[in-house]
Amino acid sequence: MKNPIVDKSFIFAEKILNIYFFLREKNHNRLADQIVGSGTSIGANVVEAQAAQSKNDFISKISIASKEARETAYWIKLLNRKELIRDHPDFIFLQSEIEEIIKILNSILISSKNNR
């Protein structure tokens, strides 16, 4: 069965890797490490949530994914500079997709907490 947030977070992570390598090529290693850490952690926590041992465990993993998504949104906003990633082909996608991912994760959290 397809799971939209699993798929979205995986595709997002792939695009984050493109940004990571792009920043590394420009010797912005610390910034690259920051965005790749939070940007790939979203999907990792979403996948972990799929194998949660309990409803509380699921909520915890999705909550972490949501926090990582918010951190990633911060990095995308901060890196929105011509000398960093503004002109990268994946930038516009990342900007819009992170907002959608945050909304989906928040919706999952709300419904999971209400159905506990």
PDB file of N, CA and C in Angstrom:
ATOM      1  N   MET A   1       0.833  -1.182   0.000  1.00  0.00           N
ATOM      2  CA  MET A   1       0.000   0.000   0.000  1.00  0.00           C
ATOM      3  C   MET A   1       0.883   1.252   0.000  1.00  0.00           C
ATOM      4  N   LYS A   2       0.578   2.173  -0.864  1.00  0.00           N
ATOM      5  CA  LYS A   2       1.350   3.412  -0.955  1.00  0.00           C
ATOM      6  C   LYS A   2       1.066   4.295   0.246  1.00  0.00           C
ATOM      7  N   ASN A   3       2.104   4.965   0.702  1.00  0.00           N
ATOM      8  CA  ASN A   3       1.967   5.899   1.817  1.00  0.00           C
ATOM      9  C   ASN A   3       2.547   7.239   1.362  1.00  0.00           C
ATOM     10  N   PRO A   4       1.707   8.239   1.143  1.00  0.00           N
ATOM     11  CA  PRO A   4       2.183   9.517   0.583  1.00  0.00           C
ATOM     12  C   PRO A   4       3.303  10.185   1.373  1.00  0.00           C
ATOM     13  N   ILE A   5       3.241  10.170   2.693  1.00  0.00           N
ATOM     14  CA  ILE A   5       4.284  10.860   3.465  1.00  0.00           C
ATOM     15  C   ILE A   5       5.611  10.106   3.401  1.00  0.00           C
ATOM     16  N   VAL A   6       5.551   8.789   3.317  1.00  0.00           N
ATOM     17  CA  VAL A   6       6.779   8.007   3.147  1.00  0.00           C
ATOM     18  C   VAL A   6       7.410   8.350   1.798  1.00  0.00           C
ATOM     19  N   ASP A   7       6.604   8.356   0.761  1.00  0.00           N
ATOM     20  CA  ASP A   7       7.105   8.667  -0.579  1.00  0.00           C
ATOM     21  C   ASP A   7       7.624  10.106  -0.668  1.00  0.00           C
ATOM     22  N   LYS A   8       6.841  11.055  -0.150  1.00  0.00           N
ATOM     23  CA  LYS A   8       7.237  12.471  -0.204  1.00  0.00           C
ATOM     24  C   LYS A   8       8.541  12.714   0.547  1.00  0.00           C
ATOM     25  N   SER A   9       8.649  12.134   1.726  1.00  0.00           N
ATOM     26  CA  SER A   9       9.850  12.379   2.525  1.00  0.00           C
ATOM     27  C   SER A   9      11.085  11.735   1.892  1.00  0.00           C
ATOM     28  N   PHE A  10      10.899  10.619   1.175  1.00  0.00           N
ATOM     29  CA  PHE A  10      12.029   9.988   0.489  1.00  0.00           C
ATOM     30  C   PHE A  10      12.489  10.845  -0.689  1.00  0.00           C
ATOM     31  N   ILE A  11      11.554  11.289  -1.509  1.00  0.00           N
ATOM     32  CA  ILE A  11      11.902  12.147  -2.648  1.00  0.00           C
ATOM     33  C   ILE A  11      12.546  13.443  -2.151  1.00  0.00           C
ATOM     34  N   PHE A  12      12.007  13.981  -1.075  1.00  0.00           N
ATOM     35  CA  PHE A  12      12.575  15.192  -0.485  1.00  0.00           C
ATOM     36  C   PHE A  12      14.021  14.951  -0.056  1.00  0.00           C
ATOM     37  N   ALA A  13      14.278  13.821   0.584  1.00  0.00           N
ATOM     38  CA  ALA A  13      15.634  13.487   1.028  1.00  0.00           C
ATOM     39  C   ALA A  13      16.596  13.374  -0.153  1.00  0.00           C
ATOM     40  N   GLU A  14      16.113  12.810  -1.254  1.00  0.00           N
ATOM     41  CA  GLU A  14      16.962  12.732  -2.451  1.00  0.00           C
ATOM     42  C   GLU A  14      17.362  14.126  -2.933  1.00  0.00           C
ATOM     43  N   LYS A  15      16.422  15.051  -2.926  1.00  0.00           N
ATOM     44  CA  LYS A  15      16.711  16.432  -3.348  1.00  0.00           C
ATOM     45  C   LYS A  15      17.643  17.121  -2.348  1.00  0.00           C
ATOM     46  N   ILE A  16      17.473  16.813  -1.079  1.00  0.00           N
ATOM     47  CA  ILE A  16      18.367  17.366  -0.049  1.00  0.00           C
ATOM     48  C   ILE A  16      19.795  16.885  -0.294  1.00  0.00           C
ATOM     49  N   LEU A  17      19.959  15.639  -0.708  1.00  0.00           N
ATOM     50  CA  LEU A  17      21.302  15.135  -1.030  1.00  0.00           C
ATOM     51  C   LEU A  17      21.920  15.929  -2.178  1.00  0.00           C
ATOM     52  N   ASN A  18      21.107  16.312  -3.154  1.00  0.00           N
ATOM     53  CA  ASN A  18      21.619  17.147  -4.243  1.00  0.00           C
ATOM     54  C   ASN A  18      22.147  18.471  -3.702  1.00  0.00           C
ATOM     55  N   ILE A  19      21.404  19.062  -2.781  1.00  0.00           N
ATOM     56  CA  ILE A  19      21.829  20.325  -2.154  1.00  0.00           C
ATOM     57  C   ILE A  19      23.099  20.105  -1.338  1.00  0.00           C
ATOM     58  N   TYR A  20      23.146  19.003  -0.626  1.00  0.00           N
ATOM     59  CA  TYR A  20      24.328  18.668   0.181  1.00  0.00           C
ATOM     60  C   TYR A  20      25.582  18.645  -0.680  1.00  0.00           C
ATOM     61  N   PHE A  21      25.545  17.902  -1.777  1.00  0.00           N
ATOM     62  CA  PHE A  21      26.727  17.809  -2.649  1.00  0.00           C
ATOM     63  C   PHE A  21      27.053  19.151  -3.294  1.00  0.00           C
ATOM     64  N   PHE A  22      26.030  19.910  -3.640  1.00  0.00           N
ATOM     65  CA  PHE A  22      26.212  21.244  -4.221  1.00  0.00           C
ATOM     66  C   PHE A  22      26.934  22.169  -3.235  1.00  0.00           C
ATOM     67  N   LEU A  23      26.484  22.167  -1.981  1.00  0.00           N
ATOM     68  CA  LEU A  23      27.129  23.008  -0.964  1.00  0.00           C
ATOM     69  C   LEU A  23      28.550  22.543  -0.670  1.00  0.00           C
ATOM     70  N   ARG A  24      28.762  21.240  -0.655  1.00  0.00           N
ATOM     71  CA  ARG A  24      30.112  20.704  -0.428  1.00  0.00           C
ATOM     72  C   ARG A  24      31.062  21.140  -1.543  1.00  0.00           C
ATOM     73  N   GLU A  25      30.583  21.141  -2.778  1.00  0.00           N
ATOM     74  CA  GLU A  25      31.413  21.595  -3.900  1.00  0.00           C
ATOM     75  C   GLU A  25      31.839  23.047  -3.729  1.00  0.00           C
ATOM     76  N   LYS A  26      31.002  23.829  -3.055  1.00  0.00           N
ATOM     77  CA  LYS A  26      31.294  25.244  -2.816  1.00  0.00           C
ATOM     78  C   LYS A  26      32.035  25.447  -1.485  1.00  0.00           C
ATOM     79  N   ASN A  27      32.423  24.345  -0.841  1.00  0.00           N
ATOM     80  CA  ASN A  27      33.136  24.359   0.441  1.00  0.00           C
ATOM     81  C   ASN A  27      32.325  24.938   1.595  1.00  0.00           C
ATOM     82  N   HIS A  28      31.012  24.817   1.503  1.00  0.00           N
ATOM     83  CA  HIS A  28      30.132  25.209   2.604  1.00  0.00           C
ATOM     84  C   HIS A  28      29.788  23.944   3.391  1.00  0.00           C
ATOM     85  N   ASN A  29      30.814  23.316   3.912  1.00  0.00           N
ATOM     86  CA  ASN A  29      30.673  21.995   4.520  1.00  0.00           C
ATOM     87  C   ASN A  29      29.767  21.975   5.748  1.00  0.00           C
ATOM     88  N   ARG A  30      29.905  22.945   6.620  1.00  0.00           N
ATOM     89  CA  ARG A  30      29.095  22.966   7.843  1.00  0.00           C
ATOM     90  C   ARG A  30      27.613  23.147   7.508  1.00  0.00           C
ATOM     91  N   LEU A  31      27.321  24.046   6.577  1.00  0.00           N
ATOM     92  CA  LEU A  31      25.935  24.256   6.159  1.00  0.00           C
ATOM     93  C   LEU A  31      25.387  22.999   5.479  1.00  0.00           C
ATOM     94  N   ALA A  32      26.213  22.370   4.665  1.00  0.00           N
ATOM     95  CA  ALA A  32      25.813  21.128   3.993  1.00  0.00           C
ATOM     96  C   ALA A  32      25.466  20.057   5.023  1.00  0.00           C
ATOM     97  N   ASP A  33      26.303  19.926   6.047  1.00  0.00           N
ATOM     98  CA  ASP A  33      26.061  18.922   7.085  1.00  0.00           C
ATOM     99  C   ASP A  33      24.756  19.194   7.838  1.00  0.00           C
ATOM    100  N   GLN A  34      24.478  20.468   8.102  1.00  0.00           N
ATOM    101  CA  GLN A  34      23.268  20.822   8.841  1.00  0.00           C
ATOM    102  C   GLN A  34      22.012  20.444   8.067  1.00  0.00           C
ATOM    103  N   ILE A  35      21.954  20.853   6.802  1.00  0.00           N
ATOM    104  CA  ILE A  35      20.720  20.605   6.038  1.00  0.00           C
ATOM    105  C   ILE A  35      20.548  19.129   5.693  1.00  0.00           C
ATOM    106  N   VAL A  36      21.642  18.417   5.456  1.00  0.00           N
ATOM    107  CA  VAL A  36      21.498  16.987   5.140  1.00  0.00           C
ATOM    108  C   VAL A  36      21.065  16.205   6.379  1.00  0.00           C
ATOM    109  N   GLY A  37      21.523  16.636   7.533  1.00  0.00           N
ATOM    110  CA  GLY A  37      21.136  15.949   8.767  1.00  0.00           C
ATOM    111  C   GLY A  37      19.645  16.037   9.038  1.00  0.00           C
ATOM    112  N   SER A  38      19.139  17.260   9.036  1.00  0.00           N
ATOM    113  CA  SER A  38      17.713  17.427   9.327  1.00  0.00           C
ATOM    114  C   SER A  38      16.841  16.977   8.158  1.00  0.00           C
ATOM    115  N   GLY A  39      17.275  17.251   6.933  1.00  0.00           N
ATOM    116  CA  GLY A  39      16.463  16.944   5.760  1.00  0.00           C
ATOM    117  C   GLY A  39      16.276  15.467   5.493  1.00  0.00           C
ATOM    118  N   THR A  40      17.265  14.659   5.831  1.00  0.00           N
ATOM    119  CA  THR A  40      17.126  13.219   5.633  1.00  0.00           C
ATOM    120  C   THR A  40      16.520  12.534   6.861  1.00  0.00           C
ATOM    121  N   SER A  41      16.595  13.185   7.995  1.00  0.00           N
ATOM    122  CA  SER A  41      16.028  12.632   9.223  1.00  0.00           C
ATOM    123  C   SER A  41      14.499  12.588   9.183  1.00  0.00           C
ATOM    124  N   ILE A  42      13.911  13.476   8.410  1.00  0.00           N
ATOM    125  CA  ILE A  42      12.442  13.494   8.296  1.00  0.00           C
ATOM    126  C   ILE A  42      11.961  12.115   7.846  1.00  0.00           C
ATOM    127  N   GLY A  43      12.455  11.687   6.701  1.00  0.00           N
ATOM    128  CA  GLY A  43      12.032  10.403   6.146  1.00  0.00           C
ATOM    129  C   GLY A  43      12.423   9.221   7.008  1.00  0.00           C
ATOM    130  N   ALA A  44      13.596   9.288   7.611  1.00  0.00           N
ATOM    131  CA  ALA A  44      14.037   8.188   8.470  1.00  0.00           C
ATOM    132  C   ALA A  44      13.066   7.993   9.634  1.00  0.00           C
ATOM    133  N   ASN A  45      12.617   9.086  10.226  1.00  0.00           N
ATOM    134  CA  ASN A  45      11.673   8.976  11.342  1.00  0.00           C
ATOM    135  C   ASN A  45      10.284   8.567  10.877  1.00  0.00           C
ATOM    136  N   VAL A  46       9.885   9.007   9.697  1.00  0.00           N
ATOM    137  CA  VAL A  46       8.596   8.589   9.138  1.00  0.00           C
ATOM    138  C   VAL A  46       8.604   7.078   8.906  1.00  0.00           C
ATOM    139  N   VAL A  47       9.695   6.555   8.368  1.00  0.00           N
ATOM    140  CA  VAL A  47       9.799   5.112   8.122  1.00  0.00           C
ATOM    141  C   VAL A  47       9.821   4.352   9.454  1.00  0.00           C
ATOM    142  N   GLU A  48      10.547   4.867  10.438  1.00  0.00           N
ATOM    143  CA  GLU A  48      10.546   4.219  11.752  1.00  0.00           C
ATOM    144  C   GLU A  48       9.146   4.184  12.347  1.00  0.00           C
ATOM    145  N   ALA A  49       8.385   5.249  12.128  1.00  0.00           N
ATOM    146  CA  ALA A  49       7.020   5.314  12.664  1.00  0.00           C
ATOM    147  C   ALA A  49       6.142   4.210  12.083  1.00  0.00           C
ATOM    148  N   GLN A  50       6.431   3.797  10.857  1.00  0.00           N
ATOM    149  CA  GLN A  50       5.633   2.751  10.219  1.00  0.00           C
ATOM    150  C   GLN A  50       5.763   1.422  10.957  1.00  0.00           C
ATOM    151  N   ALA A  51       6.837   1.246  11.700  1.00  0.00           N
ATOM    152  CA  ALA A  51       7.047   0.012  12.463  1.00  0.00           C
ATOM    153  C   ALA A  51       6.942   0.255  13.968  1.00  0.00           C
ATOM    154  N   ALA A  52       6.193   1.276  14.337  1.00  0.00           N
ATOM    155  CA  ALA A  52       6.063   1.633  15.749  1.00  0.00           C
ATOM    156  C   ALA A  52       5.471   0.479  16.560  1.00  0.00           C
ATOM    157  N   GLN A  53       5.902   0.390  17.804  1.00  0.00           N
ATOM    158  CA  GLN A  53       5.443  -0.677  18.686  1.00  0.00           C
ATOM    159  C   GLN A  53       4.124  -0.337  19.373  1.00  0.00           C
ATOM    160  N   SER A  54       3.781   0.949  19.350  1.00  0.00           N
ATOM    161  CA  SER A  54       2.544   1.395  19.983  1.00  0.00           C
ATOM    162  C   SER A  54       2.120   2.716  19.362  1.00  0.00           C
ATOM    163  N   LYS A  55       0.922   3.137  19.685  1.00  0.00           N
ATOM    164  CA  LYS A  55       0.429   4.433  19.201  1.00  0.00           C
ATOM    165  C   LYS A  55       1.323   5.563  19.730  1.00  0.00           C
ATOM    166  N   ASN A  56       1.741   5.463  20.982  1.00  0.00           N
ATOM    167  CA  ASN A  56       2.624   6.488  21.552  1.00  0.00           C
ATOM    168  C   ASN A  56       3.986   6.517  20.862  1.00  0.00           C
ATOM    169  N   ASP A  57       4.497   5.357  20.511  1.00  0.00           N
ATOM    170  CA  ASP A  57       5.763   5.274  19.779  1.00  0.00           C
ATOM    171  C   ASP A  57       5.610   5.914  18.400  1.00  0.00           C
ATOM    172  N   PHE A  58       4.488   5.636  17.728  1.00  0.00           N
ATOM    173  CA  PHE A  58       4.201   6.236  16.423  1.00  0.00           C
ATOM    174  C   PHE A  58       4.161   7.762  16.542  1.00  0.00           C
ATOM    175  N   ILE A  59       3.433   8.258  17.520  1.00  0.00           N
ATOM    176  CA  ILE A  59       3.316   9.701  17.731  1.00  0.00           C
ATOM    177  C   ILE A  59       4.678  10.319  18.004  1.00  0.00           C
ATOM    178  N   SER A  60       5.488   9.640  18.776  1.00  0.00           N
ATOM    179  CA  SER A  60       6.828  10.135  19.087  1.00  0.00           C
ATOM    180  C   SER A  60       7.681  10.267  17.831  1.00  0.00           C
ATOM    181  N   LYS A  61       7.671   9.242  16.986  1.00  0.00           N
ATOM    182  CA  LYS A  61       8.482   9.272  15.751  1.00  0.00           C
ATOM    183  C   LYS A  61       7.989  10.346  14.787  1.00  0.00           C
ATOM    184  N   ILE A  62       6.683  10.466  14.641  1.00  0.00           N
ATOM    185  CA  ILE A  62       6.126  11.484  13.748  1.00  0.00           C
ATOM    186  C   ILE A  62       6.413  12.876  14.310  1.00  0.00           C
ATOM    187  N   SER A  63       6.390  13.006  15.602  1.00  0.00           N
ATOM    188  CA  SER A  63       6.714  14.281  16.247  1.00  0.00           C
ATOM    189  C   SER A  63       8.162  14.681  15.965  1.00  0.00           C
ATOM    190  N   ILE A  64       9.065  13.726  16.037  1.00  0.00           N
ATOM    191  CA  ILE A  64      10.472  13.992  15.719  1.00  0.00           C
ATOM    192  C   ILE A  64      10.605  14.380  14.247  1.00  0.00           C
ATOM    193  N   ALA A  65       9.908  13.671  13.372  1.00  0.00           N
ATOM    194  CA  ALA A  65       9.946  14.001  11.941  1.00  0.00           C
ATOM    195  C   ALA A  65       9.453  15.430  11.713  1.00  0.00           C
ATOM    196  N   SER A  66       8.411  15.821  12.431  1.00  0.00           N
ATOM    197  CA  SER A  66       7.872  17.177  12.309  1.00  0.00           C
ATOM    198  C   SER A  66       8.887  18.226  12.775  1.00  0.00           C
ATOM    199  N   LYS A  67       9.555  17.946  13.861  1.00  0.00           N
ATOM    200  CA  LYS A  67      10.592  18.870  14.358  1.00  0.00           C
ATOM    201  C   LYS A  67      11.745  18.991  13.365  1.00  0.00           C
ATOM    202  N   GLU A  68      12.143  17.866  12.799  1.00  0.00           N
ATOM    203  CA  GLU A  68      13.217  17.879  11.801  1.00  0.00           C
ATOM    204  C   GLU A  68      12.786  18.648  10.551  1.00  0.00           C
ATOM    205  N   ALA A  69      11.517  18.519  10.187  1.00  0.00           N
ATOM    206  CA  ALA A  69      11.001  19.248   9.027  1.00  0.00           C
ATOM    207  C   ALA A  69      11.046  20.754   9.286  1.00  0.00           C
ATOM    208  N   ARG A  70      10.687  21.162  10.484  1.00  0.00           N
ATOM    209  CA  ARG A  70      10.733  22.588  10.829  1.00  0.00           C
ATOM    210  C   ARG A  70      12.177  23.104  10.820  1.00  0.00           C
ATOM    211  N   GLU A  71      13.093  22.292  11.308  1.00  0.00           N
ATOM    212  CA  GLU A  71      14.507  22.688  11.259  1.00  0.00           C
ATOM    213  C   GLU A  71      14.974  22.803   9.814  1.00  0.00           C
ATOM    214  N   THR A  72      14.574  21.872   8.986  1.00  0.00           N
ATOM    215  CA  THR A  72      14.954  21.908   7.576  1.00  0.00           C
ATOM    216  C   THR A  72      14.388  23.151   6.899  1.00  0.00           C
ATOM    217  N   ALA A  73      13.153  23.512   7.231  1.00  0.00           N
ATOM    218  CA  ALA A  73      12.554  24.733   6.676  1.00  0.00           C
ATOM    219  C   ALA A  73      13.398  25.949   7.063  1.00  0.00           C
ATOM    220  N   TYR A  74      13.908  25.956   8.282  1.00  0.00           N
ATOM    221  CA  TYR A  74      14.789  27.033   8.737  1.00  0.00           C
ATOM    222  C   TYR A  74      16.039  27.109   7.863  1.00  0.00           C
ATOM    223  N   TRP A  75      16.678  25.963   7.630  1.00  0.00           N
ATOM    224  CA  TRP A  75      17.907  25.943   6.830  1.00  0.00           C
ATOM    225  C   TRP A  75      17.634  26.373   5.385  1.00  0.00           C
ATOM    226  N   ILE A  76      16.524  25.928   4.834  1.00  0.00           N
ATOM    227  CA  ILE A  76      16.181  26.329   3.460  1.00  0.00           C
ATOM    228  C   ILE A  76      16.005  27.841   3.393  1.00  0.00           C
ATOM    229  N   LYS A  77      15.315  28.386   4.375  1.00  0.00           N
ATOM    230  CA  LYS A  77      15.103  29.843   4.422  1.00  0.00           C
ATOM    231  C   LYS A  77      16.436  30.575   4.574  1.00  0.00           C
ATOM    232  N   LEU A  78      17.290  30.081   5.455  1.00  0.00           N
ATOM    233  CA  LEU A  78      18.589  30.713   5.695  1.00  0.00           C
ATOM    234  C   LEU A  78      19.492  30.647   4.460  1.00  0.00           C
ATOM    235  N   LEU A  79      19.444  29.523   3.764  1.00  0.00           N
ATOM    236  CA  LEU A  79      20.325  29.314   2.611  1.00  0.00           C
ATOM    237  C   LEU A  79      19.792  29.958   1.326  1.00  0.00           C
ATOM    238  N   ASN A  80      18.672  30.638   1.430  1.00  0.00           N
ATOM    239  CA  ASN A  80      18.068  31.307   0.276  1.00  0.00           C
ATOM    240  C   ASN A  80      18.875  32.567  -0.077  1.00  0.00           C
ATOM    241  N   ARG A  81      20.067  32.329  -0.568  1.00  0.00           N
ATOM    242  CA  ARG A  81      20.977  33.399  -0.982  1.00  0.00           C
ATOM    243  C   ARG A  81      21.596  32.990  -2.307  1.00  0.00           C
ATOM    244  N   LYS A  82      21.826  33.979  -3.135  1.00  0.00           N
ATOM    245  CA  LYS A  82      22.391  33.708  -4.460  1.00  0.00           C
ATOM    246  C   LYS A  82      23.689  32.908  -4.365  1.00  0.00           C
ATOM    247  N   GLU A  83      24.537  33.250  -3.409  1.00  0.00           N
ATOM    248  CA  GLU A  83      25.824  32.557  -3.286  1.00  0.00           C
ATOM    249  C   GLU A  83      25.698  31.172  -2.639  1.00  0.00           C
ATOM    250  N   LEU A  84      24.508  30.818  -2.194  1.00  0.00           N
ATOM    251  CA  LEU A  84      24.322  29.501  -1.587  1.00  0.00           C
ATOM    252  C   LEU A  84      23.445  28.622  -2.486  1.00  0.00           C
ATOM    253  N   ILE A  85      22.126  28.537  -2.231  1.00  0.00           N
ATOM    254  CA  ILE A  85      21.331  27.573  -3.003  1.00  0.00           C
ATOM    255  C   ILE A  85      20.173  28.182  -3.793  1.00  0.00           C
ATOM    256  N   ARG A  86      19.974  29.479  -3.743  1.00  0.00           N
ATOM    257  CA  ARG A  86      18.829  30.097  -4.423  1.00  0.00           C
ATOM    258  C   ARG A  86      18.735  29.711  -5.895  1.00  0.00           C
ATOM    259  N   ASP A  87      19.861  29.606  -6.566  1.00  0.00           N
ATOM    260  CA  ASP A  87      19.855  29.305  -7.996  1.00  0.00           C
ATOM    261  C   ASP A  87      19.923  27.808  -8.311  1.00  0.00           C
ATOM    262  N   HIS A  88      19.935  26.975  -7.290  1.00  0.00           N
ATOM    263  CA  HIS A  88      19.979  25.529  -7.514  1.00  0.00           C
ATOM    264  C   HIS A  88      18.634  25.067  -8.095  1.00  0.00           C
ATOM    265  N   PRO A  89      18.652  24.151  -9.063  1.00  0.00           N
ATOM    266  CA  PRO A  89      17.402  23.697  -9.695  1.00  0.00           C
ATOM    267  C   PRO A  89      16.376  23.089  -8.725  1.00  0.00           C
ATOM    268  N   ASP A  90      16.817  22.556  -7.596  1.00  0.00           N
ATOM    269  CA  ASP A  90      15.891  21.933  -6.638  1.00  0.00           C
ATOM    270  C   ASP A  90      15.369  22.897  -5.579  1.00  0.00           C
ATOM    271  N   PHE A  91      15.848  24.124  -5.581  1.00  0.00           N
ATOM    272  CA  PHE A  91      15.510  25.053  -4.499  1.00  0.00           C
ATOM    273  C   PHE A  91      14.007  25.316  -4.393  1.00  0.00           C
ATOM    274  N   ILE A  92      13.361  25.656  -5.475  1.00  0.00           N
ATOM    275  CA  ILE A  92      11.925  25.976  -5.451  1.00  0.00           C
ATOM    276  C   ILE A  92      11.118  24.759  -4.989  1.00  0.00           C
ATOM    277  N   PHE A  93      11.493  23.590  -5.489  1.00  0.00           N
ATOM    278  CA  PHE A  93      10.824  22.359  -5.055  1.00  0.00           C
ATOM    279  C   PHE A  93      10.951  22.186  -3.544  1.00  0.00           C
ATOM    280  N   LEU A  94      12.167  22.328  -3.016  1.00  0.00           N
ATOM    281  CA  LEU A  94      12.397  22.139  -1.587  1.00  0.00           C
ATOM    282  C   LEU A  94      11.600  23.145  -0.762  1.00  0.00           C
ATOM    283  N   GLN A  95      11.559  24.378  -1.227  1.00  0.00           N
ATOM    284  CA  GLN A  95      10.840  25.437  -0.518  1.00  0.00           C
ATOM    285  C   GLN A  95       9.353  25.101  -0.388  1.00  0.00           C
ATOM    286  N   SER A  96       8.736  24.680  -1.462  1.00  0.00           N
ATOM    287  CA  SER A  96       7.301  24.383  -1.407  1.00  0.00           C
ATOM    288  C   SER A  96       7.025  23.032  -0.757  1.00  0.00           C
ATOM    289  N   GLU A  97       7.863  22.067  -1.019  1.00  0.00           N
ATOM    290  CA  GLU A  97       7.635  20.708  -0.511  1.00  0.00           C
ATOM    291  C   GLU A  97       7.782  20.629   1.007  1.00  0.00           C
ATOM    292  N   ILE A  98       8.707  21.377   1.576  1.00  0.00           N
ATOM    293  CA  ILE A  98       8.887  21.300   3.034  1.00  0.00           C
ATOM    294  C   ILE A  98       7.643  21.827   3.746  1.00  0.00           C
ATOM    295  N   GLU A  99       7.017  22.842   3.188  1.00  0.00           N
ATOM    296  CA  GLU A  99       5.789  23.368   3.791  1.00  0.00           C
ATOM    297  C   GLU A  99       4.673  22.327   3.738  1.00  0.00           C
ATOM    298  N   GLU A 100       4.568  21.626   2.630  1.00  0.00           N
ATOM    299  CA  GLU A 100       3.555  20.582   2.500  1.00  0.00           C
ATOM    300  C   GLU A 100       3.842  19.419   3.451  1.00  0.00           C
ATOM    301  N   ILE A 101       5.096  19.036   3.563  1.00  0.00           N
ATOM    302  CA  ILE A 101       5.482  17.950   4.481  1.00  0.00           C
ATOM    303  C   ILE A 101       5.137  18.324   5.915  1.00  0.00           C
ATOM    304  N   ILE A 102       5.425  19.552   6.306  1.00  0.00           N
ATOM    305  CA  ILE A 102       5.097  20.010   7.668  1.00  0.00           C
ATOM    306  C   ILE A 102       3.588  19.916   7.903  1.00  0.00           C
ATOM    307  N   LYS A 103       2.791  20.350   6.947  1.00  0.00           N
ATOM    308  CA  LYS A 103       1.326  20.296   7.087  1.00  0.00           C
ATOM    309  C   LYS A 103       0.840  18.855   7.215  1.00  0.00           C
ATOM    310  N   ILE A 104       1.374  17.968   6.398  1.00  0.00           N
ATOM    311  CA  ILE A 104       0.965  16.560   6.456  1.00  0.00           C
ATOM    312  C   ILE A 104       1.338  15.948   7.799  1.00  0.00           C
ATOM    313  N   LEU A 105       2.565  16.189   8.251  1.00  0.00           N
ATOM    314  CA  LEU A 105       3.008  15.628   9.528  1.00  0.00           C
ATOM    315  C   LEU A 105       2.170  16.172  10.687  1.00  0.00           C
ATOM    316  N   ASN A 106       1.847  17.455  10.654  1.00  0.00           N
ATOM    317  CA  ASN A 106       1.006  18.031  11.707  1.00  0.00           C
ATOM    318  C   ASN A 106      -0.388  17.417  11.695  1.00  0.00           C
ATOM    319  N   SER A 107      -0.918  17.181  10.513  1.00  0.00           N
ATOM    320  CA  SER A 107      -2.229  16.543  10.385  1.00  0.00           C
ATOM    321  C   SER A 107      -2.196  15.121  10.932  1.00  0.00           C
ATOM    322  N   ILE A 108      -1.144  14.395  10.615  1.00  0.00           N
ATOM    323  CA  ILE A 108      -0.985  13.029  11.140  1.00  0.00           C
ATOM    324  C   ILE A 108      -0.903  13.056  12.666  1.00  0.00           C
ATOM    325  N   LEU A 109      -0.152  13.998  13.193  1.00  0.00           N
ATOM    326  CA  LEU A 109      -0.019  14.116  14.655  1.00  0.00           C
ATOM    327  C   LEU A 109      -1.358  14.410  15.313  1.00  0.00           C
ATOM    328  N   ILE A 110      -2.088  15.351  14.772  1.00  0.00           N
ATOM    329  CA  ILE A 110      -3.379  15.727  15.358  1.00  0.00           C
ATOM    330  C   ILE A 110      -4.340  14.542  15.342  1.00  0.00           C
ATOM    331  N   SER A 111      -4.453  13.885  14.185  1.00  0.00           N
ATOM    332  CA  SER A 111      -5.391  12.755  14.107  1.00  0.00           C
ATOM    333  C   SER A 111      -4.932  11.576  14.965  1.00  0.00           C
ATOM    334  N   SER A 112      -3.634  11.359  15.049  1.00  0.00           N
ATOM    335  CA  SER A 112      -3.125  10.256  15.886  1.00  0.00           C
ATOM    336  C   SER A 112      -3.375  10.521  17.359  1.00  0.00           C
ATOM    337  N   LYS A 113      -3.187  11.742  17.793  1.00  0.00           N
ATOM    338  CA  LYS A 113      -3.436  12.094  19.194  1.00  0.00           C
ATOM    339  C   LYS A 113      -4.928  12.015  19.522  1.00  0.00           C
ATOM    340  N   ASN A 114      -5.757  12.437  18.574  1.00  0.00           N
ATOM    341  CA  ASN A 114      -7.215  12.385  18.804  1.00  0.00           C
ATOM    342  C   ASN A 114      -7.753  10.960  18.830  1.00  0.00           C
ATOM    343  N   ASN A 115      -7.075  10.042  18.120  1.00  0.00           N
ATOM    344  CA  ASN A 115      -7.521   8.655  18.048  1.00  0.00           C
ATOM    345  C   ASN A 115      -6.823   7.739  19.045  1.00  0.00           C
ATOM    346  N   ARG A 116      -6.092   8.327  19.945  1.00  0.00           N
ATOM    347  CA  ARG A 116      -5.336   7.550  20.924  1.00  0.00           C
ATOM    348  C   ARG A 116      -6.239   6.852  21.902  1.00  0.00           C
TER     349      ARG A 116
END
